[in-house]
C-alpha atoms as a PDB file:
ATOM      1  CA  UNK A   1       3.072 -50.943 -13.589  1.00  0.00           C
ATOM      2  CA  UNK A   2       5.505 -48.243 -14.713  1.00  0.00           C
ATOM      3  CA  UNK A   3       3.115 -47.138 -17.463  1.00  0.00           C
ATOM      4  CA  UNK A   4       0.225 -46.879 -15.007  1.00  0.00           C
ATOM      5  CA  UNK A   5       2.377 -44.835 -12.626  1.00  0.00           C
ATOM      6  CA  UNK A   6       3.271 -42.419 -15.436  1.00  0.00           C
ATOM      7  CA  UNK A   7      -0.390 -42.032 -16.360  1.00  0.00           C
ATOM      8  CA  UNK A   8      -1.393 -41.313 -12.754  1.00  0.00           C
ATOM      9  CA  UNK A   9       1.490 -38.863 -12.331  1.00  0.00           C
ATOM     10  CA  UNK A  10       0.641 -37.037 -15.555  1.00  0.00           C
ATOM     11  CA  UNK A  11      -3.025 -36.746 -14.574  1.00  0.00           C
ATOM     12  CA  UNK A  12      -2.043 -35.466 -11.144  1.00  0.00           C
ATOM     13  CA  UNK A  13       0.032 -32.656 -12.623  1.00  0.00           C
ATOM     14  CA  UNK A  14      -2.631 -31.797 -15.191  1.00  0.00           C
ATOM     15  CA  UNK A  15      -5.367 -31.593 -12.556  1.00  0.00           C
ATOM     16  CA  UNK A  16      -3.230 -29.601 -10.129  1.00  0.00           C
ATOM     17  CA  UNK A  17      -2.258 -27.262 -12.981  1.00  0.00           C
ATOM     18  CA  UNK A  18      -5.931 -26.698 -13.753  1.00  0.00           C
ATOM     19  CA  UNK A  19      -6.684 -26.146 -10.058  1.00  0.00           C
ATOM     20  CA  UNK A  20      -3.858 -23.604  -9.688  1.00  0.00           C
ATOM     21  CA  UNK A  21      -4.964 -21.812 -12.861  1.00  0.00           C
ATOM     22  CA  UNK A  22      -8.521 -21.540 -11.534  1.00  0.00           C
ATOM     23  CA  UNK A  23      -7.300 -20.259  -8.159  1.00  0.00           C
ATOM     24  CA  UNK A  24      -5.107 -17.691  -9.939  1.00  0.00           C
ATOM     25  CA  UNK A  25      -8.086 -16.396 -11.916  1.00  0.00           C
ATOM     26  CA  UNK A  26     -10.222 -16.266  -8.775  1.00  0.00           C
ATOM     27  CA  UNK A  27      -7.496 -14.297  -6.984  1.00  0.00           C
ATOM     28  CA  UNK A  28      -7.589 -11.769  -9.835  1.00  0.00           C
ATOM     29  CA  UNK A  29     -11.243 -11.091  -9.049  1.00  0.00           C
ATOM     30  CA  UNK A  30     -10.116  -9.459  -5.792  1.00  0.00           C
ATOM     31  CA  UNK A  31      -9.496  -6.235  -7.713  1.00  0.00           C
ATOM     32  CA  UNK A  32     -13.127  -6.114  -8.893  1.00  0.00           C
ATOM     33  CA  UNK A  33     -15.123  -7.407  -5.920  1.00  0.00           C
ATOM     34  CA  UNK A  34     -15.823  -5.369  -2.790  1.00  0.00           C
ATOM     35  CA  UNK A  35     -14.444  -7.152   0.306  1.00  0.00           C
ATOM     36  CA  UNK A  36     -17.578  -6.188   2.223  1.00  0.00           C
ATOM     37  CA  UNK A  37     -19.406  -8.869   0.229  1.00  0.00           C
ATOM     38  CA  UNK A  38     -16.605 -11.006  -1.210  1.00  0.00           C
ATOM     39  CA  UNK A  39     -14.049 -11.267   1.580  1.00  0.00           C
ATOM     40  CA  UNK A  40     -13.151 -14.891   0.715  1.00  0.00           C
ATOM     41  CA  UNK A  41     -11.994 -13.798  -2.747  1.00  0.00           C
ATOM     42  CA  UNK A  42     -10.080 -10.941  -1.123  1.00  0.00           C
ATOM     43  CA  UNK A  43      -8.185 -13.418   1.052  1.00  0.00           C
ATOM     44  CA  UNK A  44      -7.393 -15.423  -2.058  1.00  0.00           C
ATOM     45  CA  UNK A  45      -6.028 -12.240  -3.635  1.00  0.00           C
ATOM     46  CA  UNK A  46      -3.253 -12.222  -1.025  1.00  0.00           C
ATOM     47  CA  UNK A  47      -1.975 -15.450  -2.541  1.00  0.00           C
ATOM     48  CA  UNK A  48      -1.781 -14.017  -6.063  1.00  0.00           C
ATOM     49  CA  UNK A  49       2.068 -13.776  -6.256  1.00  0.00           C
ATOM     50  CA  UNK A  50       2.486 -17.389  -5.130  1.00  0.00           C
ATOM     51  CA  UNK A  51      -0.225 -18.677  -7.471  1.00  0.00           C
ATOM     52  CA  UNK A  52       1.346 -16.693 -10.307  1.00  0.00           C
ATOM     53  CA  UNK A  53       4.727 -18.294  -9.630  1.00  0.00           C
ATOM     54  CA  UNK A  54       3.238 -21.809  -9.545  1.00  0.00           C
ATOM     55  CA  UNK A  55       1.329 -21.309 -12.807  1.00  0.00           C
ATOM     56  CA  UNK A  56       4.462 -19.909 -14.486  1.00  0.00           C
ATOM     57  CA  UNK A  57       6.445 -22.949 -13.333  1.00  0.00           C
ATOM     58  CA  UNK A  58       3.819 -25.262 -14.819  1.00  0.00           C
ATOM     59  CA  UNK A  59       4.031 -23.348 -18.098  1.00  0.00           C
ATOM     60  CA  UNK A  60       7.811 -23.699 -18.123  1.00  0.00           C
ATOM     61  CA  UNK A  61       7.684 -27.433 -17.359  1.00  0.00           C
ATOM     62  CA  UNK A  62       5.152 -28.190 -20.112  1.00  0.00           C
ATOM     63  CA  UNK A  63       7.211 -26.225 -22.625  1.00  0.00           C
ATOM     64  CA  UNK A  64      10.399 -28.055 -21.622  1.00  0.00           C
ATOM     65  CA  UNK A  65       8.566 -31.382 -22.004  1.00  0.00           C
ATOM     66  CA  UNK A  66       7.290 -30.177 -25.394  1.00  0.00           C
ATOM     67  CA  UNK A  67       3.631 -30.356 -24.389  1.00  0.00           C
ATOM     68  CA  UNK A  68       2.235 -27.187 -26.025  1.00  0.00           C
ATOM     69  CA  UNK A  69      -1.414 -28.175 -25.564  1.00  0.00           C
ATOM     70  CA  UNK A  70      -0.935 -28.641 -21.828  1.00  0.00           C
ATOM     71  CA  UNK A  71       1.031 -25.381 -21.680  1.00  0.00           C
ATOM     72  CA  UNK A  72      -2.147 -23.654 -22.862  1.00  0.00           C
ATOM     73  CA  UNK A  73      -3.683 -24.237 -19.411  1.00  0.00           C
ATOM     74  CA  UNK A  74      -1.188 -21.886 -17.808  1.00  0.00           C
ATOM     75  CA  UNK A  75      -0.858 -19.676 -20.874  1.00  0.00           C
ATOM     76  CA  UNK A  76      -4.555 -18.833 -21.021  1.00  0.00           C
ATOM     77  CA  UNK A  77      -4.689 -18.254 -17.252  1.00  0.00           C
ATOM     78  CA  UNK A  78      -1.748 -15.846 -17.474  1.00  0.00           C
ATOM     79  CA  UNK A  79      -3.320 -13.912 -20.346  1.00  0.00           C
ATOM     80  CA  UNK A  80      -6.575 -13.546 -18.405  1.00  0.00           C
ATOM     81  CA  UNK A  81      -4.572 -12.399 -15.370  1.00  0.00           C
ATOM     82  CA  UNK A  82      -2.817  -9.613 -17.264  1.00  0.00           C
ATOM     83  CA  UNK A  83      -4.525  -6.766 -15.389  1.00  0.00           C
ATOM     84  CA  UNK A  84      -3.336  -8.032 -12.011  1.00  0.00           C
ATOM     85  CA  UNK A  85       0.118  -8.918 -13.326  1.00  0.00           C
ATOM     86  CA  UNK A  86       0.542  -5.462 -14.880  1.00  0.00           C
ATOM     87  CA  UNK A  87       0.279  -3.664 -11.512  1.00  0.00           C
ATOM     88  CA  UNK A  88       2.773  -5.921  -9.750  1.00  0.00           C
ATOM     89  CA  UNK A  89       5.806  -5.273 -11.911  1.00  0.00           C
ATOM     90  CA  UNK A  90       7.393  -2.118 -13.322  1.00  0.00           C
ATOM     91  CA  UNK A  91      10.108  -2.952 -15.814  1.00  0.00           C
ATOM     92  CA  UNK A  92      12.210   0.063 -16.808  1.00  0.00           C
ATOM     93  CA  UNK A  93      15.809  -1.202 -17.070  1.00  0.00           C
ATOM     94  CA  UNK A  94      17.150   1.946 -18.707  1.00  0.00           C
ATOM     95  CA  UNK A  95      15.702   4.523 -16.321  1.00  0.00           C
ATOM     96  CA  UNK A  96      17.289   5.678 -13.097  1.00  0.00           C
ATOM     97  CA  UNK A  97      16.591   8.200 -10.382  1.00  0.00           C
ATOM     98  CA  UNK A  98      18.300  11.533 -10.954  1.00  0.00           C
ATOM     99  CA  UNK A  99      19.143  13.096  -7.601  1.00  0.00           C
ATOM    100  CA  UNK A 100      19.529  16.508  -9.205  1.00  0.00           C
ATOM    101  CA  UNK A 101      16.143  17.985 -10.043  1.00  0.00           C
ATOM    102  CA  UNK A 102      15.646  19.066 -13.619  1.00  0.00           C
ATOM    103  CA  UNK A 103      14.663  22.724 -14.147  1.00  0.00           C
ATOM    104  CA  UNK A 104      10.904  23.180 -14.093  1.00  0.00           C
ATOM    105  CA  UNK A 105      10.243  19.789 -12.503  1.00  0.00           C
ATOM    106  CA  UNK A 106       8.423  19.200  -9.226  1.00  0.00           C
ATOM    107  CA  UNK A 107       9.583  16.533  -6.816  1.00  0.00           C
ATOM    108  CA  UNK A 108       7.193  14.905  -4.359  1.00  0.00           C
ATOM    109  CA  UNK A 109       8.179  12.508  -1.595  1.00  0.00           C
ATOM    110  CA  UNK A 110       5.652  10.249   0.105  1.00  0.00           C
ATOM    111  CA  UNK A 111       6.747   8.281   3.167  1.00  0.00           C
ATOM    112  CA  UNK A 112       5.160   6.486   6.089  1.00  0.00           C
ATOM    113  CA  UNK A 113       7.541   7.820   8.723  1.00  0.00           C
ATOM    114  CA  UNK A 114       6.129   5.680  11.564  1.00  0.00           C
ATOM    115  CA  UNK A 115       6.316   8.597  14.032  1.00  0.00           C
ATOM    116  CA  UNK A 116      10.027   8.907  13.191  1.00  0.00           C
ATOM    117  CA  UNK A 117      10.478   5.967  15.592  1.00  0.00           C
ATOM    118  CA  UNK A 118      11.438   8.408  18.354  1.00  0.00           C
ATOM    119  CA  UNK A 119       8.621  10.305  20.061  1.00  0.00           C
ATOM    120  CA  UNK A 120      10.292  11.551  23.192  1.00  0.00           C
ATOM    121  CA  UNK A 121      13.449  13.614  23.495  1.00  0.00           C
ATOM    122  CA  UNK A 122      16.508  12.067  25.150  1.00  0.00           C
ATOM    123  CA  UNK A 123      15.146   8.605  24.447  1.00  0.00           C
ATOM    124  CA  UNK A 124      17.606   6.018  23.141  1.00  0.00           C
ATOM    125  CA  UNK A 125      14.883   3.718  21.840  1.00  0.00           C
ATOM    126  CA  UNK A 126      15.222   5.010  18.274  1.00  0.00           C
ATOM    127  CA  UNK A 127      19.041   5.074  18.322  1.00  0.00           C
ATOM    128  CA  UNK A 128      19.203   8.242  16.252  1.00  0.00           C
ATOM    129  CA  UNK A 129      16.840   7.006  13.554  1.00  0.00           C
ATOM    130  CA  UNK A 130      14.827  10.238  13.607  1.00  0.00           C
ATOM    131  CA  UNK A 131      17.935  12.253  12.774  1.00  0.00           C
ATOM    132  CA  UNK A 132      18.790   9.857   9.941  1.00  0.00           C
ATOM    133  CA  UNK A 133      15.248  10.115   8.556  1.00  0.00           C
ATOM    134  CA  UNK A 134      15.463  13.906   8.588  1.00  0.00           C
ATOM    135  CA  UNK A 135      18.772  13.666   6.726  1.00  0.00           C
ATOM    136  CA  UNK A 136      17.147  11.430   4.125  1.00  0.00           C
ATOM    137  CA  UNK A 137      14.303  13.897   3.613  1.00  0.00           C
ATOM    138  CA  UNK A 138      16.805  16.714   3.240  1.00  0.00           C
ATOM    139  CA  UNK A 139      18.804  14.742   0.674  1.00  0.00           C
ATOM    140  CA  UNK A 140      15.706  14.202  -1.473  1.00  0.00           C
ATOM    141  CA  UNK A 141      15.247  17.972  -1.797  1.00  0.00           C
ATOM    142  CA  UNK A 142      11.548  17.554  -2.575  1.00  0.00           C
ATOM    143  CA  UNK A 143       9.164  20.422  -3.217  1.00  0.00           C
ATOM    144  CA  UNK A 144       6.285  18.637  -1.494  1.00  0.00           C
ATOM    145  CA  UNK A 145       6.311  16.102   1.339  1.00  0.00           C
ATOM    146  CA  UNK A 146       3.421  13.749   2.031  1.00  0.00           C
ATOM    147  CA  UNK A 147       4.090  11.976   5.313  1.00  0.00           C
ATOM    148  CA  UNK A 148       1.893   9.329   6.906  1.00  0.00           C
ATOM    149  CA  UNK A 149       1.895   8.226  10.556  1.00  0.00           C
ATOM    150  CA  UNK A 150       3.333  11.616  11.383  1.00  0.00           C
ATOM    151  CA  UNK A 151       3.680  12.593  15.026  1.00  0.00           C
ATOM    152  CA  UNK A 152       4.211  15.993  16.608  1.00  0.00           C
ATOM    153  CA  UNK A 153       3.734  17.502  20.052  1.00  0.00           C
ATOM    154  CA  UNK A 154       3.447  20.735  21.976  1.00  0.00           C
ATOM    155  CA  UNK A 155       4.890  19.208  25.148  1.00  0.00           C
ATOM    156  CA  UNK A 156       8.492  20.211  25.760  1.00  0.00           C
ATOM    157  CA  UNK A 157       9.666  16.645  26.434  1.00  0.00           C
ATOM    158  CA  UNK A 158       8.446  15.444  23.021  1.00  0.00           C
ATOM    159  CA  UNK A 159       9.557  16.421  19.521  1.00  0.00           C
ATOM    160  CA  UNK A 160       7.657  19.165  17.722  1.00  0.00           C
ATOM    161  CA  UNK A 161       8.252  17.699  14.278  1.00  0.00           C
ATOM    162  CA  UNK A 162       6.255  20.350  12.434  1.00  0.00           C
ATOM    163  CA  UNK A 163       8.526  23.136  13.660  1.00  0.00           C
ATOM    164  CA  UNK A 164      11.611  20.990  13.099  1.00  0.00           C
ATOM    165  CA  UNK A 165      10.761  20.277   9.470  1.00  0.00           C
ATOM    166  CA  UNK A 166       9.831  23.895   8.815  1.00  0.00           C
ATOM    167  CA  UNK A 167      13.075  25.200  10.274  1.00  0.00           C
ATOM    168  CA  UNK A 168      15.579  22.482   9.371  1.00  0.00           C
ATOM    169  CA  UNK A 169      14.217  21.421   5.981  1.00  0.00           C
ATOM    170  CA  UNK A 170      12.654  24.744   4.941  1.00  0.00           C
ATOM    171  CA  UNK A 171       9.012  23.923   4.256  1.00  0.00           C
ATOM    172  CA  UNK A 172       7.035  27.058   5.178  1.00  0.00           C
ATOM    173  CA  UNK A 173       3.588  25.704   4.241  1.00  0.00           C
ATOM    174  CA  UNK A 174       1.753  22.685   5.579  1.00  0.00           C
ATOM    175  CA  UNK A 175      -1.658  21.122   6.147  1.00  0.00           C
ATOM    176  CA  UNK A 176      -2.066  18.977   9.240  1.00  0.00           C
ATOM    177  CA  UNK A 177      -5.270  17.743  10.849  1.00  0.00           C
ATOM    178  CA  UNK A 178      -4.741  15.581  13.881  1.00  0.00           C
ATOM    179  CA  UNK A 179      -6.733  12.856  15.566  1.00  0.00           C
ATOM    180  CA  UNK A 180      -9.735  14.239  17.450  1.00  0.00           C
ATOM    181  CA  UNK A 181      -8.517  12.440  20.564  1.00  0.00           C
ATOM    182  CA  UNK A 182      -5.235  14.363  20.541  1.00  0.00           C
ATOM    183  CA  UNK A 183      -4.306  16.489  23.547  1.00  0.00           C
ATOM    184  CA  UNK A 184      -0.708  17.665  23.430  1.00  0.00           C
ATOM    185  CA  UNK A 185       0.482  14.693  21.345  1.00  0.00           C
ATOM    186  CA  UNK A 186      -0.790  14.731  17.765  1.00  0.00           C
ATOM    187  CA  UNK A 187      -0.797  11.961  15.199  1.00  0.00           C
ATOM    188  CA  UNK A 188      -1.992  11.966  11.587  1.00  0.00           C
ATOM    189  CA  UNK A 189      -0.838  12.477   8.003  1.00  0.00           C
ATOM    190  CA  UNK A 190       0.634  15.793   6.869  1.00  0.00           C
ATOM    191  CA  UNK A 191       1.454  17.696   3.666  1.00  0.00           C
ATOM    192  CA  UNK A 192       4.454  20.053   3.618  1.00  0.00           C
ATOM    193  CA  UNK A 193       5.150  22.360   0.678  1.00  0.00           C
ATOM    194  CA  UNK A 194       7.710  24.891  -0.490  1.00  0.00           C
ATOM    195  CA  UNK A 195       5.060  26.288  -2.814  1.00  0.00           C
ATOM    196  CA  UNK A 196       2.154  28.303  -1.356  1.00  0.00           C
ATOM    197  CA  UNK A 197      -0.874  26.304  -0.242  1.00  0.00           C
ATOM    198  CA  UNK A 198      -3.791  28.424  -1.484  1.00  0.00           C
ATOM    199  CA  UNK A 199      -6.522  26.189  -0.088  1.00  0.00           C
ATOM    200  CA  UNK A 200      -6.716  23.095   2.072  1.00  0.00           C
ATOM    201  CA  UNK A 201      -9.180  20.663   3.531  1.00  0.00           C
ATOM    202  CA  UNK A 202      -9.667  17.248   5.044  1.00  0.00           C
ATOM    203  CA  UNK A 203     -12.172  14.413   5.158  1.00  0.00           C
ATOM    204  CA  UNK A 204     -12.597  12.120   8.128  1.00  0.00           C
ATOM    205  CA  UNK A 205     -13.452   8.513   7.418  1.00  0.00           C
ATOM    206  CA  UNK A 206     -16.599   7.269   9.172  1.00  0.00           C
ATOM    207  CA  UNK A 207     -16.672   4.715  11.930  1.00  0.00           C
ATOM    208  CA  UNK A 208     -16.170   1.784  12.271  1.00  0.00           C
ATOM    209  CA  UNK A 209     -12.938   2.610  10.447  1.00  0.00           C
ATOM    210  CA  UNK A 210     -10.113   4.114  12.478  1.00  0.00           C
ATOM    211  CA  UNK A 211     -10.044   7.930  12.873  1.00  0.00           C
ATOM    212  CA  UNK A 212      -7.784   8.542   9.882  1.00  0.00           C
ATOM    213  CA  UNK A 213      -8.162  11.519   7.551  1.00  0.00           C
ATOM    214  CA  UNK A 214      -7.768  12.239   3.861  1.00  0.00           C
ATOM    215  CA  UNK A 215      -5.791  15.477   3.587  1.00  0.00           C
ATOM    216  CA  UNK A 216      -6.071  17.887   0.684  1.00  0.00           C
ATOM    217  CA  UNK A 217      -3.854  20.822  -0.278  1.00  0.00           C
ATOM    218  CA  UNK A 218      -4.302  23.065  -3.317  1.00  0.00           C
ATOM    219  CA  UNK A 219      -0.760  24.121  -4.179  1.00  0.00           C
ATOM    220  CA  UNK A 220       0.167  27.028  -6.448  1.00  0.00           C
ATOM    221  CA  UNK A 221       3.156  25.804  -8.456  1.00  0.00           C
ATOM    222  CA  UNK A 222       3.387  29.006 -10.504  1.00  0.00           C
ATOM    223  CA  UNK A 223       1.846  28.109 -13.833  1.00  0.00           C
ATOM    224  CA  UNK A 224      -0.967  26.004 -12.372  1.00  0.00           C
ATOM    225  CA  UNK A 225      -2.663  24.835  -9.197  1.00  0.00           C
ATOM    226  CA  UNK A 226      -2.495  21.162  -8.307  1.00  0.00           C
ATOM    227  CA  UNK A 227      -4.527  19.360  -5.677  1.00  0.00           C
ATOM    228  CA  UNK A 228      -2.427  17.008  -3.563  1.00  0.00           C
ATOM    229  CA  UNK A 229      -4.017  14.331  -1.404  1.00  0.00           C
ATOM    230  CA  UNK A 230      -2.444  12.093   1.174  1.00  0.00           C
ATOM    231  CA  UNK A 231      -3.808   9.535   3.597  1.00  0.00           C
ATOM    232  CA  UNK A 232      -3.072   6.422   5.605  1.00  0.00           C
ATOM    233  CA  UNK A 233      -5.645   3.673   5.206  1.00  0.00           C
ATOM    234  CA  UNK A 234      -6.538   1.277   7.962  1.00  0.00           C
ATOM    235  CA  UNK A 235      -3.956  -1.355   8.740  1.00  0.00           C
ATOM    236  CA  UNK A 236      -4.636  -4.864  10.004  1.00  0.00           C
ATOM    237  CA  UNK A 237      -3.858  -3.665  13.538  1.00  0.00           C
ATOM    238  CA  UNK A 238      -1.778  -6.670  14.532  1.00  0.00           C
ATOM    239  CA  UNK A 239      -0.287  -6.167  17.980  1.00  0.00           C
ATOM    240  CA  UNK A 240       2.562  -7.883  19.769  1.00  0.00           C
ATOM    241  CA  UNK A 241       0.196 -10.460  21.237  1.00  0.00           C
ATOM    242  CA  UNK A 242      -1.100 -11.256  17.736  1.00  0.00           C
ATOM    243  CA  UNK A 243       2.412 -11.992  16.489  1.00  0.00           C
ATOM    244  CA  UNK A 244       2.868 -14.210  19.538  1.00  0.00           C
ATOM    245  CA  UNK A 245      -0.282 -16.086  18.511  1.00  0.00           C
ATOM    246  CA  UNK A 246       1.086 -16.520  14.991  1.00  0.00           C
ATOM    247  CA  UNK A 247       4.227 -18.008  16.539  1.00  0.00           C
ATOM    248  CA  UNK A 248       2.093 -20.367  18.658  1.00  0.00           C
ATOM    249  CA  UNK A 249       0.217 -21.545  15.566  1.00  0.00           C
ATOM    250  CA  UNK A 250       3.472 -23.011  14.262  1.00  0.00           C
ATOM    251  CA  UNK A 251       4.295 -24.603  17.610  1.00  0.00           C
ATOM    252  CA  UNK A 252       1.066 -25.887  19.134  1.00  0.00           C
ATOM    253  CA  UNK A 253      -1.390 -27.730  16.934  1.00  0.00           C
ATOM    254  CA  UNK A 254      -4.261 -27.303  19.420  1.00  0.00           C
ATOM    255  CA  UNK A 255      -4.096 -23.524  19.113  1.00  0.00           C
ATOM    256  CA  UNK A 256      -4.317 -23.525  15.311  1.00  0.00           C
ATOM    257  CA  UNK A 257      -8.066 -22.910  15.047  1.00  0.00           C
ATOM    258  CA  UNK A 258      -8.536 -20.377  17.856  1.00  0.00           C
ATOM    259  CA  UNK A 259      -5.475 -18.285  17.055  1.00  0.00           C
ATOM    260  CA  UNK A 260      -6.050 -18.425  13.306  1.00  0.00           C
ATOM    261  CA  UNK A 261      -9.651 -17.224  13.698  1.00  0.00           C
ATOM    262  CA  UNK A 262      -8.502 -14.182  15.649  1.00  0.00           C
ATOM    263  CA  UNK A 263      -5.826 -13.230  13.102  1.00  0.00           C
ATOM    264  CA  UNK A 264      -8.076 -13.841  10.092  1.00  0.00           C
ATOM    265  CA  UNK A 265     -10.840 -11.796  11.706  1.00  0.00           C
ATOM    266  CA  UNK A 266      -8.516  -8.802  12.011  1.00  0.00           C
ATOM    267  CA  UNK A 267      -7.398  -9.171   8.401  1.00  0.00           C
ATOM    268  CA  UNK A 268     -11.034  -9.339   7.278  1.00  0.00           C
ATOM    269  CA  UNK A 269     -11.917  -6.167   9.213  1.00  0.00           C
ATOM    270  CA  UNK A 270      -8.937  -4.419   7.626  1.00  0.00           C
ATOM    271  CA  UNK A 271     -10.061  -5.422   4.131  1.00  0.00           C
ATOM    272  CA  UNK A 272     -13.613  -4.260   4.771  1.00  0.00           C
ATOM    273  CA  UNK A 273     -12.734  -0.904   6.295  1.00  0.00           C
ATOM    274  CA  UNK A 274     -10.175  -0.105   3.611  1.00  0.00           C
ATOM    275  CA  UNK A 275     -12.810  -0.725   0.956  1.00  0.00           C
ATOM    276  CA  UNK A 276     -15.077   1.834   2.673  1.00  0.00           C
ATOM    277  CA  UNK A 277     -12.234   4.346   2.765  1.00  0.00           C
ATOM    278  CA  UNK A 278     -11.249   3.618  -0.852  1.00  0.00           C
ATOM    279  CA  UNK A 279     -14.783   4.295  -2.102  1.00  0.00           C
ATOM    280  CA  UNK A 280     -14.777   7.661  -0.317  1.00  0.00           C
ATOM    281  CA  UNK A 281     -11.383   8.583  -1.784  1.00  0.00           C
ATOM    282  CA  UNK A 282     -12.473   7.604  -5.285  1.00  0.00           C
ATOM    283  CA  UNK A 283     -15.486   9.917  -5.146  1.00  0.00           C
ATOM    284  CA  UNK A 284     -13.505  12.848  -3.721  1.00  0.00           C
ATOM    285  CA  UNK A 285     -10.666  12.549  -6.234  1.00  0.00           C
ATOM    286  CA  UNK A 286     -13.162  12.445  -9.072  1.00  0.00           C
ATOM    287  CA  UNK A 287     -14.700  15.776  -7.998  1.00  0.00           C
ATOM    288  CA  UNK A 288     -11.439  17.753  -8.058  1.00  0.00           C
ATOM    289  CA  UNK A 289     -11.399  20.842 -10.326  1.00  0.00           C
ATOM    290  CA  UNK A 290      -7.580  20.721 -10.398  1.00  0.00           C
ATOM    291  CA  UNK A 291      -5.045  18.132 -11.591  1.00  0.00           C
ATOM    292  CA  UNK A 292      -4.744  15.512  -8.857  1.00  0.00           C
ATOM    293  CA  UNK A 293      -1.724  13.913  -7.225  1.00  0.00           C
ATOM    294  CA  UNK A 294      -2.524  11.233  -4.667  1.00  0.00           C
ATOM    295  CA  UNK A 295       0.115   9.927  -2.251  1.00  0.00           C
ATOM    296  CA  UNK A 296      -0.541   7.540   0.571  1.00  0.00           C
ATOM    297  CA  UNK A 297      -0.068   4.311   2.432  1.00  0.00           C
ATOM    298  CA  UNK A 298      -2.894   2.057   1.255  1.00  0.00           C
ATOM    299  CA  UNK A 299      -1.897  -0.891   3.458  1.00  0.00           C
ATOM    300  CA  UNK A 300      -2.982  -3.253   0.701  1.00  0.00           C
ATOM    301  CA  UNK A 301      -1.595  -5.320  -2.163  1.00  0.00           C
ATOM    302  CA  UNK A 302      -1.511  -4.081  -5.786  1.00  0.00           C
ATOM    303  CA  UNK A 303      -4.215  -6.423  -7.086  1.00  0.00           C
ATOM    304  CA  UNK A 304      -6.690  -5.309  -4.418  1.00  0.00           C
ATOM    305  CA  UNK A 305     -10.067  -3.615  -4.625  1.00  0.00           C
ATOM    306  CA  UNK A 306      -8.591  -0.771  -2.560  1.00  0.00           C
ATOM    307  CA  UNK A 307      -5.782  -0.068  -5.042  1.00  0.00           C
ATOM    308  CA  UNK A 308      -7.977  -0.093  -8.137  1.00  0.00           C
ATOM    309  CA  UNK A 309     -10.688   2.038  -6.525  1.00  0.00           C
ATOM    310  CA  UNK A 310      -8.208   4.702  -5.441  1.00  0.00           C
ATOM    311  CA  UNK A 311      -6.215   4.628  -8.651  1.00  0.00           C
ATOM    312  CA  UNK A 312      -9.194   4.953 -10.977  1.00  0.00           C
ATOM    313  CA  UNK A 313      -7.930   6.678 -14.138  1.00  0.00           C
ATOM    314  CA  UNK A 314      -4.815   8.091 -12.466  1.00  0.00           C
ATOM    315  CA  UNK A 315      -1.315   7.105 -13.551  1.00  0.00           C
ATOM    316  CA  UNK A 316       0.729   5.047 -11.100  1.00  0.00           C
ATOM    317  CA  UNK A 317       4.169   6.639 -10.724  1.00  0.00           C
ATOM    318  CA  UNK A 318       5.708   3.276  -9.799  1.00  0.00           C
ATOM    319  CA  UNK A 319       4.419   1.633 -12.977  1.00  0.00           C
ATOM    320  CA  UNK A 320       5.314   4.658 -15.085  1.00  0.00           C
ATOM    321  CA  UNK A 321       8.910   5.036 -13.927  1.00  0.00           C
ATOM    322  CA  UNK A 322       9.692   1.961 -11.837  1.00  0.00           C
END
């Protein structure tokens, strides 16, 4: 009886190891397959970190039990997953951020500032967060700022963040193209620069994606001209009521199907629209006559179709320096 139990247990772990290895490899396909046609694989791509952890644990267990042949199941899967693994981790233990800029270097900051939390003056909702965020930007002493979810206004009761950054942080040049629906309150991405912007432009993403823009600024850095891009790709658009539905899923079994369908539908739309935007970005970046620097909030995971389309042949600063 004990022998039979051991056989069944061993087979169970072997089969589940194989299943997890297959799921890991399928999740890696998310970086190659367009979500417009392969959205199921894209969903599986979200589980990549967890599948990676499980497969690594299986590898460790088989090695501890001195089962090298069984360890090959996980080992081969991990080798085939190298491309996806390589964009998740940046290992540079001996490098550190130097707050003081080196002579001749250019520092760029990219940040989703989320409207600086505070839109309206004399509003305690943000509890001084806007002021702290400005202080952080000042401390970075960057030459170029690429800010997403940026908000500014011409109404006197709201913050004019463009003027504030120009005056307080000393960025005389900028490129800002706001939402077409804007009146006196404007919302978009923005590029600030201490170097002259010699040319600028923008590209609006087509419907049904949200009215975001890809901003471009040709910046004269003295010895060369670089083309800087920034953008904010479509988010999942989960609202307060959606988070309430997620909470209900864990509480009420009857609501599992209906609430899950609504949430998953929004995630699917986000995947699809980001893939449309990523394809547009890829084509535009490839046509640049100048060296390109792209900064943005992709709203996606590293092993996604969106990331690999946008990155193309560009270097990833996170992977390069950690």
